C-alpha atoms as a PDB file:
ATOM      1  CA  MET A   1       0.000   0.000   0.000  1.00  0.00           C
ATOM      2  CA  LYS A   2       1.256   3.484  -0.821  1.00  0.00           C
ATOM      3  CA  VAL A   3       1.035   6.276   1.737  1.00  0.00           C
ATOM      4  CA  LYS A   4       1.616   9.954   0.991  1.00  0.00           C
ATOM      5  CA  THR A   5       3.735  11.555   3.705  1.00  0.00           C
ATOM      6  CA  ARG A   6       4.613  15.077   4.688  1.00  0.00           C
ATOM      7  CA  ASP A   7       8.388  14.566   4.880  1.00  0.00           C
ATOM      8  CA  PHE A   8       9.220  11.423   2.883  1.00  0.00           C
ATOM      9  CA  GLY A   9       7.005  11.735  -0.200  1.00  0.00           C
ATOM     10  CA  GLU A  10       5.099   8.613  -1.146  1.00  0.00           C
ATOM     11  CA  VAL A  11       6.217   5.458   0.681  1.00  0.00           C
ATOM     12  CA  GLU A  12       5.315   1.811   0.284  1.00  0.00           C
ATOM     13  CA  VAL A  13       4.124   0.140   3.501  1.00  0.00           C
ATOM     14  CA  ASN A  14       2.647  -3.187   4.453  1.00  0.00           C
ATOM     15  CA  THR A  15      -0.808  -3.051   6.007  1.00  0.00           C
ATOM     16  CA  GLU A  16       0.632  -4.773   9.101  1.00  0.00           C
ATOM     17  CA  ASP A  17       2.878  -1.704   9.603  1.00  0.00           C
ATOM     18  CA  ILE A  18      -0.199   0.414  10.359  1.00  0.00           C
ATOM     19  CA  ILE A  19      -0.664   1.258  14.024  1.00  0.00           C
ATOM     20  CA  SER A  20      -4.252   1.931  15.088  1.00  0.00           C
ATOM     21  CA  PHE A  21      -4.803   4.380  17.918  1.00  0.00           C
ATOM     22  CA  GLU A  22      -7.324   2.817  20.259  1.00  0.00           C
ATOM     23  CA  GLN A  23      -7.290   6.034  22.305  1.00  0.00           C
ATOM     24  CA  LYS A  24      -6.768   8.921  19.947  1.00  0.00           C
ATOM     25  CA  ILE A  25      -4.006  11.504  20.029  1.00  0.00           C
ATOM     26  CA  PHE A  26      -5.419  14.464  21.958  1.00  0.00           C
ATOM     27  CA  GLY A  27      -6.780  17.071  19.572  1.00  0.00           C
ATOM     28  CA  PHE A  28      -6.671  14.712  16.590  1.00  0.00           C
ATOM     29  CA  ASP A  29      -9.756  12.565  17.201  1.00  0.00           C
ATOM     30  CA  ARG A  30     -10.520  12.086  13.498  1.00  0.00           C
ATOM     31  CA  TYR A  31      -7.293  10.191  12.827  1.00  0.00           C
ATOM     32  CA  THR A  32      -6.670   6.635  13.981  1.00  0.00           C
ATOM     33  CA  ASP A  33      -4.201   5.009  11.598  1.00  0.00           C
ATOM     34  CA  PHE A  34      -0.512   5.887  11.589  1.00  0.00           C
ATOM     35  CA  ILE A  35       2.823   4.471  10.493  1.00  0.00           C
ATOM     36  CA  MET A  36       6.204   5.061  12.069  1.00  0.00           C
ATOM     37  CA  LEU A  37       8.993   6.136   9.757  1.00  0.00           C
ATOM     38  CA  TYR A  38      12.641   6.116  10.724  1.00  0.00           C
ATOM     39  CA  ASP A  39      15.802   7.747   9.434  1.00  0.00           C
ATOM     40  CA  ASP A  40      18.894   5.592  10.068  1.00  0.00           C
ATOM     41  CA  GLU A  41      20.870   8.764  10.783  1.00  0.00           C
ATOM     42  CA  PHE A  42      19.020   9.136  14.115  1.00  0.00           C
ATOM     43  CA  ASN A  43      19.720   5.615  15.476  1.00  0.00           C
ATOM     44  CA  GLY A  44      16.206   5.086  16.842  1.00  0.00           C
ATOM     45  CA  GLU A  45      16.266   8.280  18.909  1.00  0.00           C
ATOM     46  CA  TYR A  46      13.610   9.944  16.747  1.00  0.00           C
ATOM     47  CA  ALA A  47      10.865   8.799  14.410  1.00  0.00           C
ATOM     48  CA  TRP A  48       8.039  10.275  12.387  1.00  0.00           C
ATOM     49  CA  LEU A  49       4.506   9.269  13.349  1.00  0.00           C
ATOM     50  CA  GLN A  50       2.748   9.741  10.035  1.00  0.00           C
ATOM     51  CA  SER A  51      -1.019   9.653   9.568  1.00  0.00           C
ATOM     52  CA  VAL A  52      -2.152   7.231   6.890  1.00  0.00           C
ATOM     53  CA  GLU A  53      -5.349   9.244   6.450  1.00  0.00           C
ATOM     54  CA  GLU A  54      -3.895  12.771   6.186  1.00  0.00           C
ATOM     55  CA  PRO A  55      -0.519  13.340   4.482  1.00  0.00           C
ATOM     56  CA  GLU A  56       0.097  16.667   6.261  1.00  0.00           C
ATOM     57  CA  LEU A  57      -0.446  15.173   9.743  1.00  0.00           C
ATOM     58  CA  CYS A  58       2.892  13.970  11.030  1.00  0.00           C
ATOM     59  CA  PHE A  59       4.431  14.148  14.484  1.00  0.00           C
ATOM     60  CA  ILE A  60       8.125  13.961  15.206  1.00  0.00           C
ATOM     61  CA  ILE A  61       8.509  11.730  18.230  1.00  0.00           C
ATOM     62  CA  ALA A  62      11.429  10.993  20.528  1.00  0.00           C
ATOM     63  CA  ASN A  63      12.437   7.754  22.215  1.00  0.00           C
ATOM     64  CA  PRO A  64      12.815   8.607  25.918  1.00  0.00           C
ATOM     65  CA  GLU A  65      14.799   5.447  26.692  1.00  0.00           C
ATOM     66  CA  LEU A  66      17.609   6.707  24.485  1.00  0.00           C
ATOM     67  CA  LEU A  67      17.376  10.417  25.261  1.00  0.00           C
ATOM     68  CA  ILE A  68      16.235  11.086  28.826  1.00  0.00           C
ATOM     69  CA  LYS A  69      17.775   9.675  31.989  1.00  0.00           C
ATOM     70  CA  ASP A  70      15.409   8.939  34.862  1.00  0.00           C
ATOM     71  CA  TYR A  71      12.182   9.049  32.811  1.00  0.00           C
ATOM     72  CA  ASP A  72      10.385   5.867  33.732  1.00  0.00           C
ATOM     73  CA  PRO A  73       6.809   6.612  34.762  1.00  0.00           C
ATOM     74  CA  GLY A  74       5.602   3.060  34.246  1.00  0.00           C
ATOM     75  CA  TYR A  75       2.364   2.276  32.462  1.00  0.00           C
ATOM     76  CA  PRO A  76      -1.078   3.298  33.704  1.00  0.00           C
ATOM     77  CA  PRO A  77      -3.419   0.362  34.479  1.00  0.00           C
ATOM     78  CA  GLU A  78      -5.667   1.019  31.464  1.00  0.00           C
ATOM     79  CA  VAL A  79      -2.831   0.366  28.997  1.00  0.00           C
ATOM     80  CA  LYS A  80      -3.121  -3.416  29.148  1.00  0.00           C
ATOM     81  CA  SER A  81      -6.907  -3.357  28.755  1.00  0.00           C
ATOM     82  CA  VAL A  82      -6.684  -1.016  25.740  1.00  0.00           C
ATOM     83  CA  LEU A  83      -3.550  -2.328  23.988  1.00  0.00           C
ATOM     84  CA  GLY A  84      -3.576  -5.972  25.069  1.00  0.00           C
ATOM     85  CA  SER A  85      -0.705  -7.971  26.434  1.00  0.00           C
ATOM     86  CA  GLY A  86       2.769  -7.711  25.013  1.00  0.00           C
ATOM     87  CA  THR A  87       5.745  -5.388  25.059  1.00  0.00           C
ATOM     88  CA  TYR A  88       5.139  -1.655  25.020  1.00  0.00           C
ATOM     89  CA  GLU A  89       7.266   1.261  23.912  1.00  0.00           C
ATOM     90  CA  LYS A  90       6.898   4.867  25.033  1.00  0.00           C
ATOM     91  CA  TRP A  91       7.418   7.729  22.604  1.00  0.00           C
ATOM     92  CA  LEU A  92       7.207  11.471  23.252  1.00  0.00           C
ATOM     93  CA  ILE A  93       5.699  14.035  20.915  1.00  0.00           C
ATOM     94  CA  MET A  94       8.173  16.788  20.075  1.00  0.00           C
ATOM     95  CA  VAL A  95       7.635  20.420  19.319  1.00  0.00           C
ATOM     96  CA  VAL A  96      10.506  21.256  17.006  1.00  0.00           C
ATOM     97  CA  LYS A  97      11.459  24.922  17.204  1.00  0.00           C
ATOM     98  CA  GLU A  98      13.301  27.002  14.637  1.00  0.00           C
ATOM     99  CA  SER A  99      16.354  26.734  16.841  1.00  0.00           C
ATOM    100  CA  ILE A 100      16.578  22.980  17.492  1.00  0.00           C
ATOM    101  CA  GLU A 101      18.092  23.620  20.929  1.00  0.00           C
ATOM    102  CA  ASP A 102      14.749  25.131  21.998  1.00  0.00           C
ATOM    103  CA  SER A 103      12.731  22.059  21.015  1.00  0.00           C
ATOM    104  CA  THR A 104      10.601  20.374  23.668  1.00  0.00           C
ATOM    105  CA  VAL A 105       8.978  17.009  24.335  1.00  0.00           C
ATOM    106  CA  ASN A 106       5.785  16.251  26.230  1.00  0.00           C
ATOM    107  CA  LEU A 107       6.672  14.055  29.221  1.00  0.00           C
ATOM    108  CA  LYS A 108       3.141  14.284  30.640  1.00  0.00           C
ATOM    109  CA  SER A 109       1.339  12.572  27.715  1.00  0.00           C
ATOM    110  CA  PRO A 110       3.443   9.843  26.106  1.00  0.00           C
ATOM    111  CA  ILE A 111       2.395   7.736  23.155  1.00  0.00           C
ATOM    112  CA  ILE A 112       2.416   4.055  24.090  1.00  0.00           C
ATOM    113  CA  VAL A 113       2.736   1.485  21.299  1.00  0.00           C
ATOM    114  CA  ASN A 114       2.210  -2.267  21.304  1.00  0.00           C
ATOM    115  CA  PHE A 115       3.933  -3.235  18.046  1.00  0.00           C
ATOM    116  CA  GLU A 116       2.879  -6.882  18.391  1.00  0.00           C
ATOM    117  CA  LYS A 117      -0.814  -5.925  18.313  1.00  0.00           C
ATOM    118  CA  HIS A 118      -0.347  -2.876  16.041  1.00  0.00           C
ATOM    119  CA  LYS A 119      -2.145  -0.690  18.573  1.00  0.00           C
ATOM    120  CA  ALA A 120      -1.297   2.565  20.297  1.00  0.00           C
ATOM    121  CA  MET A 121      -2.716   5.134  22.651  1.00  0.00           C
ATOM    122  CA  GLN A 122      -1.824   8.443  24.208  1.00  0.00           C
ATOM    123  CA  VAL A 123      -2.143   8.706  27.982  1.00  0.00           C
ATOM    124  CA  ILE A 124      -2.031  11.551  30.489  1.00  0.00           C
ATOM    125  CA  LEU A 125       0.146  10.511  33.389  1.00  0.00           C
ATOM    126  CA  GLU A 126      -0.931  11.197  36.962  1.00  0.00           C
ATOM    127  CA  ASP A 127       2.668  11.994  37.970  1.00  0.00           C
ATOM    128  CA  GLU A 128       3.991  15.540  37.835  1.00  0.00           C
ATOM    129  CA  TYR A 129       5.765  15.610  34.494  1.00  0.00           C
ATOM    130  CA  PRO A 130       6.150  18.729  32.338  1.00  0.00           C
ATOM    131  CA  VAL A 131       4.292  19.173  29.069  1.00  0.00           C
ATOM    132  CA  ARG A 132       7.244  21.169  27.678  1.00  0.00           C
ATOM    133  CA  TYR A 133      10.557  19.582  28.623  1.00  0.00           C
ATOM    134  CA  ARG A 134      13.532  21.116  26.857  1.00  0.00           C
ATOM    135  CA  LEU A 135      15.278  18.134  25.375  1.00  0.00           C
ATOM    136  CA  PHE A 136      18.589  19.827  24.603  1.00  0.00           C
ATOM    137  CA  ASP A 137      18.903  22.050  27.650  1.00  0.00           C
ATOM    138  CA  ASN A 138      19.326  19.580  30.502  1.00  0.00           C
ATOM    139  CA  GLY A 139      15.586  19.278  30.908  1.00  0.00           C
ATOM    140  CA  LYS A 140      14.696  22.803  31.919  1.00  0.00           C
ATOM    141  CA  LYS A 141      10.954  23.348  31.693  1.00  0.00           C
ATOM    142  CA  GLU A 142       9.845  25.938  29.172  1.00  0.00           C
END
């Protein structure tokens, strides 16, 4: 299947590469199906979460396991009931600024993906995490 993307042009994907959001991304309730695109240059630190339904809807996401020490909020109880059993990965939505050093990630509302089941959800954590965490400035809140 061919998918038009914002940053990579048209790409060929297998239907099993589509991740369905069982709980939608906040503010984007109309869109459920996404693919993750990677650039080898970033070694799994960043990815593009591209909507299959809307070519211009694409989020740059960051892998907190590779980028942020001490970020391990666990998984809320509803994750297993929504995504099923399996291994989960957390990803953080980035806001990329003109000056990359000013870019932030949302630690409060991670994207959680179960690649085995091809399902994902966004959660709001109960813990006190910032919505705008400066990724390249030792974590200072914006």
